[in-house]
Amino acid sequence: MLARDGDGVLHVAEMVWGLVPRWSKTPSTTYTTVTARLDRAPRSRIFAKAWAERPCVVPLTGYYKLDRSRRPPWPRFVQRRDGLALLAAGLWEHWEDGDGQQLDSFTVLTAPNRAIPAPLTPDGPVFLSAAQAMDWLSGAITTPAGLHERSPALEAYPVSRAFRDLKRDDYTLLEPVDPDLETTSPPPEDGDGDGWDEDS
């Protein structure tokens, strides 16, 4: 992802998804921190410090979201209609313990987005234009209202339920499927959530 270091220099950083607060005693957290609600993050005990000091931008080709109008819920891949990359607003944090162990982690800001096509629910990442992303990274945007902008046109199509399989990581997970003809057995699930509709 894109972030600024302590000297304000913009760089590409590799981080763990799921923000670990700096006050955490361990490099993990029992909280659900892969996403943070835009309207709550500035005053959240977990995210407020990162909101004030550590904005980041998460480039995406797209993301998975569950179609809850089906039973069972079915995954769809959401992407820009024009095929360009999506730029999602995020927050990052640096964690370090007394022994020198360090970890950089991040969360993705979410909010209702009317550009997300039906029948998907409207909650999803907060997307930025290129100019808005630079303003976000520079600290020029300080309120949730500053991140509200017309989203790029989006499209979504059904993909295999095997997207949950942690042993799979290949292009076939992005190929369109017909849910009524899908034969792949999905891996065990921890419920039907996809992270974007959580009240983090």
Protein backbone atom coordinates (compact mmCIF):
# COMPACT_ATOMS: atom_id res chain seq x y z
CA MET A 1 0.00 0.00 0.00
CA LEU A 2 0.92 3.67 -0.24
CA ALA A 3 1.86 5.54 2.93
CA ARG A 4 4.22 8.22 4.21
CA ASP A 5 7.08 7.40 6.55
CA GLY A 6 8.17 9.42 9.58
CA ASP A 7 9.92 11.92 7.32
CA GLY A 8 6.84 12.41 5.17
CA VAL A 9 8.27 10.50 2.21
CA LEU A 10 5.67 8.60 0.17
CA HIS A 11 6.55 4.94 -0.32
CA VAL A 12 5.08 1.54 -1.10
CA ALA A 13 4.81 -0.53 2.07
CA GLU A 14 4.00 -4.14 2.82
CA MET A 15 1.70 -4.47 5.82
CA VAL A 16 -0.54 -6.99 7.55
CA TRP A 17 -4.27 -6.58 6.92
CA GLY A 18 -6.08 -6.08 10.21
CA LEU A 19 -4.90 -3.05 12.19
CA VAL A 20 -3.12 -3.80 15.47
CA PRO A 21 -3.44 -0.81 17.84
CA ARG A 22 -0.16 0.56 19.15
CA TRP A 23 -1.35 -0.04 22.72
CA SER A 24 -1.92 -3.76 22.11
CA LYS A 25 0.26 -5.99 24.28
CA THR A 26 0.67 -8.54 21.49
CA PRO A 27 1.06 -8.30 17.68
CA SER A 28 -2.52 -9.47 17.23
CA THR A 29 -5.94 -8.29 18.30
CA THR A 30 -9.22 -9.87 19.32
CA TYR A 31 -11.08 -7.04 17.58
CA THR A 32 -12.33 -7.15 14.00
CA THR A 33 -10.04 -4.55 12.42
CA VAL A 34 -9.81 -5.43 8.72
CA THR A 35 -12.32 -2.62 8.14
CA ALA A 36 -13.25 0.58 9.96
CA ARG A 37 -16.48 2.52 9.53
CA LEU A 38 -15.71 5.96 8.09
CA ASP A 39 -18.17 7.75 10.35
CA ARG A 40 -16.79 6.12 13.52
CA ALA A 41 -13.05 5.86 12.92
CA PRO A 42 -12.06 9.40 14.03
CA ARG A 43 -13.46 8.84 17.53
CA SER A 44 -12.77 5.11 17.87
CA ARG A 45 -10.41 3.95 20.61
CA ILE A 46 -8.82 1.59 18.10
CA PHE A 47 -8.60 3.85 15.04
CA ALA A 48 -8.53 7.48 16.27
CA LYS A 49 -4.73 7.75 16.54
CA ALA A 50 -4.24 6.23 13.09
CA TRP A 51 -6.91 8.55 11.68
CA ALA A 52 -5.05 11.57 13.00
CA GLU A 53 -1.55 10.47 11.99
CA ARG A 54 -1.40 7.54 9.57
CA PRO A 55 -3.58 7.62 6.44
CA CYS A 56 -2.79 5.16 3.67
CA VAL A 57 -4.11 4.21 0.24
CA VAL A 58 -4.80 0.60 -0.70
CA PRO A 59 -4.66 -0.12 -4.48
CA LEU A 60 -7.09 -2.85 -5.58
CA THR A 61 -7.95 -4.55 -8.82
CA GLY A 62 -11.24 -5.40 -7.11
CA TYR A 63 -12.65 -7.21 -4.11
CA TYR A 64 -15.02 -10.02 -3.16
CA LYS A 65 -18.45 -9.27 -1.70
CA LEU A 66 -21.26 -11.66 -0.85
CA ASP A 67 -24.60 -11.50 -2.63
CA ARG A 68 -26.96 -12.01 0.31
CA SER A 69 -30.03 -12.17 -1.91
CA ARG A 70 -29.11 -15.80 -2.62
CA ARG A 71 -29.16 -18.75 -0.26
CA PRO A 72 -26.50 -19.59 0.47
CA PRO A 73 -24.90 -16.15 -0.02
CA TRP A 74 -22.81 -16.13 -3.19
CA PRO A 75 -19.52 -14.28 -3.80
CA ARG A 76 -19.21 -11.66 -6.49
CA PHE A 77 -16.08 -9.87 -7.62
CA VAL A 78 -16.48 -6.09 -7.65
CA GLN A 79 -14.28 -4.02 -9.95
CA ARG A 80 -14.18 -0.76 -11.87
CA ARG A 81 -16.24 -0.88 -15.04
CA ASP A 82 -13.39 0.74 -16.98
CA GLY A 83 -10.86 -1.83 -15.75
CA LEU A 84 -8.61 0.66 -13.94
CA ALA A 85 -7.30 0.15 -10.42
CA LEU A 86 -9.37 1.15 -7.41
CA LEU A 87 -7.81 3.31 -4.69
CA ALA A 88 -9.27 2.62 -1.25
CA ALA A 89 -8.79 4.89 1.76
CA GLY A 90 -7.16 3.19 4.72
CA LEU A 91 -5.40 3.73 8.03
CA TRP A 92 -2.20 2.12 9.20
CA GLU A 93 -0.43 1.67 12.51
CA HIS A 94 3.05 0.81 13.74
CA TRP A 95 3.25 -1.60 16.66
CA GLU A 96 6.39 -2.36 18.65
CA ASP A 97 7.04 -4.17 21.92
CA GLY A 98 9.80 -3.78 24.50
CA ASP A 99 11.87 -6.51 22.86
CA GLY A 100 12.03 -4.69 19.54
CA GLN A 101 9.45 -6.82 17.72
CA GLN A 102 7.70 -4.61 15.15
CA LEU A 103 4.62 -4.84 12.95
CA ASP A 104 2.96 -2.50 10.47
CA SER A 105 -0.73 -3.19 9.86
CA PHE A 106 -3.69 -1.50 8.18
CA THR A 107 -7.45 -1.29 7.92
CA VAL A 108 -9.73 -0.26 5.04
CA LEU A 109 -12.29 2.49 5.63
CA THR A 110 -15.86 1.59 4.65
CA ALA A 111 -19.09 3.49 4.06
CA PRO A 112 -22.31 3.17 2.07
CA ASN A 113 -21.59 3.43 -1.67
CA ARG A 114 -24.46 3.71 -4.12
CA ALA A 115 -22.14 2.73 -6.98
CA ILE A 116 -22.04 -0.86 -5.69
CA PRO A 117 -24.40 -2.70 -8.05
CA ALA A 118 -27.55 -4.47 -6.84
CA PRO A 119 -28.33 -6.96 -5.48
CA LEU A 120 -25.22 -6.41 -3.34
CA THR A 121 -25.64 -4.40 -0.14
CA PRO A 122 -24.27 -0.85 -0.47
CA ASP A 123 -21.52 -0.99 2.16
CA GLY A 124 -17.98 -1.16 0.81
CA PRO A 125 -14.55 0.46 0.73
CA VAL A 126 -14.23 4.23 0.47
CA PHE A 127 -12.77 4.82 -3.00
CA LEU A 128 -10.66 7.85 -3.91
CA SER A 129 -9.75 9.62 -7.12
CA ALA A 130 -6.01 9.99 -7.77
CA ALA A 131 -6.09 13.64 -6.68
CA GLN A 132 -8.14 12.85 -3.59
CA ALA A 133 -5.73 10.03 -2.69
CA MET A 134 -2.83 12.48 -2.65
CA ASP A 135 -4.81 14.87 -0.45
CA TRP A 136 -5.63 12.01 1.91
CA LEU A 137 -1.99 10.95 2.15
CA SER A 138 -0.82 14.52 2.74
CA GLY A 139 -3.14 15.03 5.70
CA ALA A 140 -5.20 17.67 3.89
CA ILE A 141 -8.40 15.67 4.52
CA THR A 142 -9.23 15.63 8.23
CA THR A 143 -12.95 14.81 8.39
CA PRO A 144 -15.09 11.94 7.09
CA ALA A 145 -16.99 14.43 4.92
CA GLY A 146 -13.77 15.13 3.05
CA LEU A 147 -13.68 11.55 1.79
CA HIS A 148 -17.16 11.57 0.30
CA GLU A 149 -16.87 11.84 -3.47
CA ARG A 150 -18.60 10.28 -6.42
CA SER A 151 -17.35 6.71 -6.71
CA PRO A 152 -16.11 5.32 -10.03
CA ALA A 153 -18.64 3.19 -11.89
CA LEU A 154 -18.50 -0.39 -10.60
CA GLU A 155 -19.57 -3.79 -11.90
CA ALA A 156 -19.83 -7.16 -10.19
CA TYR A 157 -20.04 -10.75 -11.39
CA PRO A 158 -20.40 -14.12 -9.60
CA VAL A 159 -17.25 -16.14 -8.89
CA SER A 160 -16.53 -19.53 -7.35
CA ARG A 161 -17.23 -20.12 -3.68
CA ALA A 162 -13.72 -21.56 -3.56
CA PHE A 163 -12.52 -17.98 -3.05
CA ARG A 164 -12.59 -18.75 0.69
CA ASP A 165 -10.12 -21.61 0.31
CA LEU A 166 -6.84 -20.39 1.82
CA LYS A 167 -4.98 -23.07 -0.14
CA ARG A 168 -6.13 -21.55 -3.44
CA ASP A 169 -4.44 -18.49 -4.90
CA ASP A 170 -4.78 -18.43 -8.67
CA TYR A 171 -6.52 -16.61 -11.51
CA THR A 172 -9.42 -19.06 -11.63
CA LEU A 173 -10.85 -17.44 -8.49
CA LEU A 174 -11.53 -14.34 -10.60
CA GLU A 175 -13.26 -16.15 -13.46
CA PRO A 176 -17.04 -15.69 -13.82
CA VAL A 177 -19.21 -18.68 -12.92
CA ASP A 178 -22.88 -19.55 -13.15
CA PRO A 179 -23.97 -20.10 -9.52
CA ASP A 180 -26.63 -22.57 -10.66
CA LEU A 181 -23.97 -24.72 -12.34
CA GLU A 182 -21.16 -24.34 -9.81
CA THR A 183 -19.83 -27.74 -8.72
CA THR A 184 -16.89 -26.69 -6.52
CA SER A 185 -17.40 -27.64 -2.89
CA PRO A 186 -16.75 -24.56 -0.76
CA PRO A 187 -14.38 -24.74 2.22
CA PRO A 188 -15.82 -24.54 5.76
CA GLU A 189 -17.05 -21.04 6.60
CA ASP A 190 -17.02 -18.99 9.80
CA GLY A 191 -20.46 -17.58 9.03
CA ASP A 192 -21.57 -15.67 5.95
CA GLY A 193 -19.78 -12.35 6.53
CA ASP A 194 -17.39 -10.84 4.02
CA GLY A 195 -15.97 -8.03 6.15
CA TRP A 196 -17.47 -5.10 4.22
CA ASP A 197 -20.77 -5.10 6.07
CA GLU A 198 -19.32 -5.31 9.57
CA ASP A 199 -19.93 -2.54 12.11
CA SER A 200 -16.26 -2.09 12.95
